[in-house]
Amino acid sequence: MQSIAYSRDKGRTWIKYEGNPVLFPTKTLDFRDPKVFWYKESSMWVMVLAVRDRVDFYTSSNLKEWSFASDFGSDTPGIHRGIFECPEVFKIQVDESGF
């Protein structure tokens, strides 16, 4: 499960959120390494989560309530057939004029 905590003293101490867990995926218990960031274009928080042979994306407006958005990996041609670890997502510009 994924839980959250917050700090009121600049990270010196942490308080666990009483509503934990905030995310409990039901398809598998093999998930880890959440990467959470603010996506300005949609004004939403995004969580990228390594889930066995794929990567899942969840969105939230408040960091407490999460909705499944999409995934990739398990059915994508050319993707390795192993376990994903520590996903990182970043925006890049693509030149679609060809190679």
N, C-alpha and C. Protein backbone atom coordinates (compact mmCIF):
# COMPACT_ATOMS: atom_id res chain seq x y z
N MET A 1 0.84 -1.18 0.00
CA MET A 1 0.00 0.00 0.00
C MET A 1 0.88 1.24 0.00
N GLN A 2 0.33 2.35 -0.42
CA GLN A 2 1.05 3.62 -0.41
C GLN A 2 0.40 4.52 0.64
N SER A 3 1.23 5.07 1.50
CA SER A 3 0.76 5.95 2.57
C SER A 3 1.50 7.27 2.49
N ILE A 4 1.00 8.27 3.21
CA ILE A 4 1.66 9.57 3.19
C ILE A 4 1.90 10.06 4.62
N ALA A 5 2.83 10.99 4.73
CA ALA A 5 3.13 11.66 5.99
C ALA A 5 3.45 13.11 5.65
N TYR A 6 3.35 13.98 6.62
CA TYR A 6 3.63 15.39 6.37
C TYR A 6 4.45 15.95 7.53
N SER A 7 5.11 17.07 7.27
CA SER A 7 5.96 17.70 8.26
C SER A 7 5.52 19.14 8.47
N ARG A 8 5.58 19.58 9.70
CA ARG A 8 5.29 20.99 10.02
C ARG A 8 6.53 21.72 10.50
N ASP A 9 7.67 21.04 10.46
CA ASP A 9 8.92 21.65 10.92
C ASP A 9 10.06 21.47 9.92
N LYS A 10 9.72 21.65 8.65
CA LYS A 10 10.69 21.59 7.55
C LYS A 10 11.40 20.24 7.45
N GLY A 11 10.68 19.16 7.76
CA GLY A 11 11.21 17.83 7.57
C GLY A 11 11.98 17.25 8.74
N ARG A 12 11.99 17.93 9.86
CA ARG A 12 12.70 17.38 11.04
C ARG A 12 11.93 16.21 11.65
N THR A 13 10.61 16.32 11.68
CA THR A 13 9.77 15.23 12.17
C THR A 13 8.60 15.06 11.19
N TRP A 14 7.99 13.89 11.24
CA TRP A 14 6.93 13.57 10.30
C TRP A 14 5.71 13.03 11.03
N ILE A 15 4.53 13.37 10.51
CA ILE A 15 3.26 12.92 11.07
C ILE A 15 2.57 12.06 10.01
N LYS A 16 2.23 10.82 10.39
CA LYS A 16 1.52 9.95 9.45
C LYS A 16 0.08 10.42 9.29
N TYR A 17 -0.38 10.47 8.07
CA TYR A 17 -1.75 10.87 7.75
C TYR A 17 -2.73 9.83 8.30
N GLU A 18 -3.74 10.29 9.01
CA GLU A 18 -4.71 9.39 9.64
C GLU A 18 -5.52 8.58 8.64
N GLY A 19 -5.64 9.06 7.41
CA GLY A 19 -6.42 8.37 6.39
C GLY A 19 -5.63 7.34 5.59
N ASN A 20 -4.41 7.01 6.01
CA ASN A 20 -3.59 6.02 5.30
C ASN A 20 -4.27 4.66 5.32
N PRO A 21 -4.06 3.84 4.31
CA PRO A 21 -3.29 4.12 3.10
C PRO A 21 -4.10 4.96 2.11
N VAL A 22 -3.40 5.71 1.27
CA VAL A 22 -4.08 6.54 0.27
C VAL A 22 -4.22 5.80 -1.06
N LEU A 23 -3.49 4.72 -1.21
CA LEU A 23 -3.59 3.91 -2.43
C LEU A 23 -3.31 2.46 -2.09
N PHE A 24 -4.19 1.59 -2.53
CA PHE A 24 -4.03 0.16 -2.33
C PHE A 24 -4.42 -0.55 -3.61
N PRO A 25 -3.48 -0.69 -4.57
CA PRO A 25 -3.80 -1.37 -5.82
C PRO A 25 -4.31 -2.79 -5.55
N THR A 26 -5.32 -3.20 -6.29
CA THR A 26 -5.96 -4.49 -6.04
C THR A 26 -5.54 -5.58 -7.02
N LYS A 27 -4.93 -5.22 -8.15
CA LYS A 27 -4.57 -6.23 -9.14
C LYS A 27 -3.35 -7.05 -8.73
N THR A 28 -2.44 -6.47 -7.97
CA THR A 28 -1.23 -7.17 -7.54
C THR A 28 -0.72 -6.55 -6.25
N LEU A 29 -0.02 -7.34 -5.48
CA LEU A 29 0.61 -6.81 -4.27
C LEU A 29 2.06 -6.45 -4.53
N ASP A 30 2.53 -6.65 -5.76
CA ASP A 30 3.92 -6.38 -6.13
C ASP A 30 4.03 -5.00 -6.77
N PHE A 31 4.02 -3.96 -5.96
CA PHE A 31 4.20 -2.60 -6.46
C PHE A 31 5.08 -1.83 -5.50
N ARG A 32 5.80 -0.84 -6.03
CA ARG A 32 6.78 -0.11 -5.21
C ARG A 32 7.28 1.13 -5.93
N ASP A 33 8.16 1.84 -5.24
CA ASP A 33 8.92 2.96 -5.81
C ASP A 33 8.06 4.09 -6.36
N PRO A 34 7.14 4.65 -5.58
CA PRO A 34 6.31 5.73 -6.12
C PRO A 34 7.12 6.99 -6.42
N LYS A 35 6.83 7.59 -7.52
CA LYS A 35 7.39 8.89 -7.91
C LYS A 35 6.19 9.82 -8.04
N VAL A 36 6.13 10.87 -7.23
CA VAL A 36 5.00 11.79 -7.23
C VAL A 36 5.48 13.18 -7.63
N PHE A 37 4.74 13.80 -8.53
CA PHE A 37 5.10 15.15 -8.97
C PHE A 37 3.85 15.93 -9.36
N TRP A 38 3.96 17.25 -9.36
CA TRP A 38 2.88 18.14 -9.77
C TRP A 38 2.99 18.33 -11.27
N TYR A 39 1.90 18.04 -12.01
CA TYR A 39 1.86 18.23 -13.45
C TYR A 39 1.07 19.49 -13.74
N LYS A 40 1.78 20.55 -14.04
CA LYS A 40 1.19 21.87 -14.21
C LYS A 40 0.12 21.92 -15.31
N GLU A 41 0.37 21.22 -16.41
CA GLU A 41 -0.55 21.27 -17.56
C GLU A 41 -1.96 20.81 -17.22
N SER A 42 -2.09 19.88 -16.29
CA SER A 42 -3.42 19.39 -15.91
C SER A 42 -3.81 19.80 -14.49
N SER A 43 -2.94 20.53 -13.83
CA SER A 43 -3.17 20.95 -12.43
C SER A 43 -3.52 19.76 -11.55
N MET A 44 -2.74 18.70 -11.68
CA MET A 44 -2.96 17.47 -10.91
C MET A 44 -1.63 16.92 -10.41
N TRP A 45 -1.69 16.19 -9.31
CA TRP A 45 -0.56 15.39 -8.87
C TRP A 45 -0.57 14.11 -9.67
N VAL A 46 0.60 13.61 -10.01
CA VAL A 46 0.73 12.35 -10.74
C VAL A 46 1.64 11.43 -9.93
N MET A 47 1.21 10.18 -9.79
CA MET A 47 2.04 9.16 -9.16
C MET A 47 2.39 8.12 -10.21
N VAL A 48 3.68 7.88 -10.37
CA VAL A 48 4.18 6.84 -11.26
C VAL A 48 4.61 5.71 -10.34
N LEU A 49 4.09 4.51 -10.58
CA LEU A 49 4.29 3.41 -9.66
C LEU A 49 4.76 2.16 -10.40
N ALA A 50 5.89 1.60 -9.98
CA ALA A 50 6.37 0.35 -10.56
C ALA A 50 5.48 -0.78 -10.07
N VAL A 51 4.85 -1.48 -11.01
CA VAL A 51 3.93 -2.56 -10.67
C VAL A 51 4.31 -3.80 -11.49
N ARG A 52 5.12 -4.63 -10.87
CA ARG A 52 5.55 -5.88 -11.49
C ARG A 52 6.10 -5.65 -12.89
N ASP A 53 5.37 -6.04 -13.95
CA ASP A 53 5.87 -5.96 -15.32
C ASP A 53 5.35 -4.74 -16.07
N ARG A 54 4.96 -3.71 -15.32
CA ARG A 54 4.43 -2.49 -15.97
C ARG A 54 4.64 -1.30 -15.04
N VAL A 55 4.26 -0.13 -15.54
CA VAL A 55 4.27 1.10 -14.77
C VAL A 55 2.86 1.67 -14.81
N ASP A 56 2.30 1.96 -13.64
CA ASP A 56 0.96 2.53 -13.54
C ASP A 56 1.05 4.03 -13.26
N PHE A 57 0.06 4.76 -13.75
CA PHE A 57 -0.05 6.19 -13.50
C PHE A 57 -1.36 6.45 -12.77
N TYR A 58 -1.28 7.22 -11.68
CA TYR A 58 -2.45 7.63 -10.92
C TYR A 58 -2.44 9.15 -10.83
N THR A 59 -3.62 9.76 -10.71
CA THR A 59 -3.71 11.21 -10.57
C THR A 59 -4.51 11.57 -9.33
N SER A 60 -4.22 12.78 -8.82
CA SER A 60 -4.91 13.26 -7.62
C SER A 60 -4.91 14.78 -7.61
N SER A 61 -5.94 15.37 -7.05
CA SER A 61 -5.97 16.82 -6.89
C SER A 61 -5.51 17.23 -5.49
N ASN A 62 -5.42 16.25 -4.57
CA ASN A 62 -5.14 16.61 -3.17
C ASN A 62 -4.12 15.70 -2.47
N LEU A 63 -3.50 14.79 -3.17
CA LEU A 63 -2.52 13.83 -2.64
C LEU A 63 -3.13 12.78 -1.71
N LYS A 64 -4.44 12.83 -1.50
CA LYS A 64 -5.09 11.88 -0.60
C LYS A 64 -5.97 10.89 -1.34
N GLU A 65 -6.60 11.33 -2.41
CA GLU A 65 -7.52 10.50 -3.19
C GLU A 65 -6.92 10.32 -4.59
N TRP A 66 -6.65 9.07 -4.94
CA TRP A 66 -5.97 8.77 -6.19
C TRP A 66 -6.87 7.97 -7.13
N SER A 67 -6.76 8.27 -8.44
CA SER A 67 -7.51 7.56 -9.47
C SER A 67 -6.55 6.99 -10.49
N PHE A 68 -6.78 5.75 -10.90
CA PHE A 68 -5.97 5.13 -11.94
C PHE A 68 -6.15 5.92 -13.23
N ALA A 69 -5.04 6.25 -13.90
CA ALA A 69 -5.09 7.01 -15.15
C ALA A 69 -4.71 6.15 -16.36
N SER A 70 -3.60 5.43 -16.27
CA SER A 70 -3.16 4.59 -17.39
C SER A 70 -1.97 3.75 -16.95
N ASP A 71 -1.49 2.92 -17.87
CA ASP A 71 -0.30 2.12 -17.59
C ASP A 71 0.42 1.83 -18.90
N PHE A 72 1.61 1.31 -18.79
CA PHE A 72 2.33 0.81 -19.96
C PHE A 72 3.31 -0.26 -19.50
N GLY A 73 3.72 -1.08 -20.46
CA GLY A 73 4.75 -2.06 -20.15
C GLY A 73 4.40 -3.48 -20.49
N SER A 74 3.42 -4.05 -19.82
CA SER A 74 3.17 -5.49 -19.97
C SER A 74 2.74 -5.88 -21.38
N ASP A 75 2.05 -5.00 -22.08
CA ASP A 75 1.58 -5.32 -23.44
C ASP A 75 2.31 -4.53 -24.52
N THR A 76 3.37 -3.81 -24.15
CA THR A 76 4.09 -2.96 -25.10
C THR A 76 5.19 -3.76 -25.80
N PRO A 77 5.15 -3.86 -27.13
CA PRO A 77 6.19 -4.59 -27.86
C PRO A 77 7.57 -3.98 -27.59
N GLY A 78 8.56 -4.84 -27.39
CA GLY A 78 9.93 -4.39 -27.18
C GLY A 78 10.28 -4.06 -25.74
N ILE A 79 9.30 -4.07 -24.84
CA ILE A 79 9.58 -3.81 -23.43
C ILE A 79 10.09 -5.10 -22.80
N HIS A 80 11.06 -4.98 -21.93
CA HIS A 80 11.60 -6.17 -21.29
C HIS A 80 10.51 -6.92 -20.53
N ARG A 81 10.71 -8.13 -20.25
CA ARG A 81 9.72 -8.96 -19.56
C ARG A 81 10.11 -9.16 -18.09
N GLY A 82 10.75 -8.19 -17.51
CA GLY A 82 11.16 -8.28 -16.12
C GLY A 82 10.33 -7.38 -15.23
N ILE A 83 10.91 -7.02 -14.12
CA ILE A 83 10.24 -6.17 -13.15
C ILE A 83 10.76 -4.75 -13.28
N PHE A 84 9.85 -3.77 -13.31
CA PHE A 84 10.25 -2.37 -13.37
C PHE A 84 10.69 -1.90 -12.00
N GLU A 85 11.68 -1.04 -11.96
CA GLU A 85 12.20 -0.48 -10.71
C GLU A 85 12.34 1.03 -10.83
N CYS A 86 12.05 1.75 -9.78
CA CYS A 86 12.31 3.19 -9.64
C CYS A 86 11.99 3.99 -10.90
N PRO A 87 10.73 4.04 -11.32
CA PRO A 87 10.41 4.76 -12.55
C PRO A 87 10.66 6.26 -12.42
N GLU A 88 11.13 6.86 -13.48
CA GLU A 88 11.36 8.30 -13.55
C GLU A 88 10.67 8.79 -14.81
N VAL A 89 9.95 9.88 -14.71
CA VAL A 89 9.23 10.43 -15.85
C VAL A 89 9.65 11.87 -16.04
N PHE A 90 9.91 12.24 -17.28
CA PHE A 90 10.25 13.62 -17.57
C PHE A 90 9.79 13.95 -18.97
N LYS A 91 9.52 15.21 -19.19
CA LYS A 91 9.00 15.68 -20.46
C LYS A 91 10.17 15.97 -21.41
N ILE A 92 10.02 15.49 -22.66
CA ILE A 92 11.02 15.79 -23.68
C ILE A 92 10.33 16.25 -24.94
N GLN A 93 11.01 17.06 -25.70
CA GLN A 93 10.47 17.51 -26.97
C GLN A 93 10.83 16.49 -28.04
N VAL A 94 9.86 16.14 -28.88
CA VAL A 94 10.07 15.13 -29.93
C VAL A 94 9.96 15.81 -31.28
N ASP A 95 10.95 15.57 -32.12
CA ASP A 95 10.92 16.06 -33.49
C ASP A 95 10.23 15.00 -34.34
N GLU A 96 9.01 15.29 -34.76
CA GLU A 96 8.24 14.31 -35.50
C GLU A 96 8.46 14.38 -37.01
N SER A 97 9.50 15.07 -37.44
CA SER A 97 9.76 15.19 -38.88
C SER A 97 10.40 13.93 -39.46
N GLY A 98 10.81 13.00 -38.63
CA GLY A 98 11.42 11.76 -39.11
C GLY A 98 12.88 11.70 -38.73
N PHE A 99 13.47 10.55 -39.00
CA PHE A 99 14.89 10.36 -38.65
C PHE A 99 15.76 10.38 -39.87
